[in-house]
Amino acid sequence: MVHCPERALLSVLDERGPTRVTALATELETHPITITQYCDDLQSDGYVYRVSADVYAITEAGRERLASLAE
């Protein structure tokens, strides 16, 4: 995953808490399928988790990753 979308996605989840894929897509100006793919990648890395079918939230590891990307 490219760092820019990763950072942007983690940042939105950190600020908003659990968020629907459609809201993430609107915020990041991309297609919901793209967001789902990014979230699936982040989930496999342990940075986000799926709250429900279309809602994701950031994990503590995701917050640590976000902080490291900001450096």
Protein backbone atom coordinates (compact mmCIF):
# COMPACT_ATOMS: atom_id res chain seq x y z
CA MET A 1 0.00 0.00 0.00
CA VAL A 2 1.23 3.50 -0.81
CA HIS A 3 1.86 5.56 2.31
CA CYS A 4 -0.33 8.54 1.33
CA PRO A 5 -3.63 6.62 1.13
CA GLU A 6 -2.62 4.58 4.17
CA ARG A 7 -1.92 7.71 6.20
CA ALA A 8 -5.07 9.47 5.01
CA LEU A 9 -7.29 6.47 5.73
CA LEU A 10 -5.80 5.85 9.18
CA SER A 11 -6.07 9.56 9.97
CA VAL A 12 -9.79 9.68 9.14
CA LEU A 13 -10.47 6.55 11.20
CA ASP A 14 -8.46 7.97 14.10
CA GLU A 15 -10.40 11.25 14.01
CA ARG A 16 -13.89 9.84 13.41
CA GLY A 17 -13.82 6.44 15.05
CA PRO A 18 -15.69 3.58 13.37
CA THR A 19 -16.66 4.79 9.90
CA ARG A 20 -18.65 3.39 6.98
CA VAL A 21 -16.83 2.61 3.76
CA THR A 22 -19.07 5.05 1.85
CA ALA A 23 -18.17 7.89 4.24
CA LEU A 24 -14.47 7.07 3.90
CA ALA A 25 -14.82 7.06 0.11
CA THR A 26 -16.51 10.45 0.16
CA GLU A 27 -13.91 11.93 2.53
CA LEU A 28 -10.97 10.55 0.53
CA GLU A 29 -12.60 11.19 -2.85
CA THR A 30 -12.33 7.65 -4.15
CA HIS A 31 -14.56 4.68 -4.94
CA PRO A 32 -15.93 2.54 -2.08
CA ILE A 33 -14.40 -0.58 -3.64
CA THR A 34 -10.97 1.06 -3.46
CA ILE A 35 -11.54 1.90 0.21
CA THR A 36 -12.59 -1.68 0.92
CA GLN A 37 -9.40 -2.95 -0.73
CA TYR A 38 -7.26 -0.54 1.31
CA CYS A 39 -9.09 -1.49 4.50
CA ASP A 40 -8.67 -5.19 3.78
CA ASP A 41 -4.92 -4.62 3.38
CA LEU A 42 -4.77 -2.57 6.58
CA GLN A 43 -6.79 -5.22 8.40
CA SER A 44 -4.37 -7.95 7.35
CA ASP A 45 -1.55 -5.77 8.72
CA GLY A 46 -3.44 -5.34 12.01
CA TYR A 47 -4.00 -1.59 11.64
CA VAL A 48 -7.80 -1.61 11.33
CA TYR A 49 -10.61 -4.00 12.14
CA ARG A 50 -14.03 -4.57 10.66
CA VAL A 51 -16.80 -3.50 13.04
CA SER A 52 -19.56 -4.69 10.69
CA ALA A 53 -19.96 -5.47 7.00
CA ASP A 54 -19.19 -1.91 5.88
CA VAL A 55 -17.70 -0.23 8.96
CA TYR A 56 -14.01 -0.13 9.90
CA ALA A 57 -12.16 1.21 12.95
CA ILE A 58 -8.50 1.84 13.75
CA THR A 59 -6.57 -0.40 16.16
CA GLU A 60 -3.89 0.65 18.64
CA ALA A 61 -1.31 -0.71 16.18
CA GLY A 62 -2.95 1.50 13.55
CA ARG A 63 -2.52 4.55 15.77
CA GLU A 64 1.14 3.66 16.25
CA ARG A 65 1.53 3.24 12.49
CA LEU A 66 -0.14 6.61 11.89
CA ALA A 67 2.26 8.26 14.32
CA SER A 68 5.24 6.67 12.55
CA LEU A 69 3.99 7.91 9.16
CA ALA A 70 3.74 11.45 10.53
CA GLU A 71 7.44 11.52 11.45
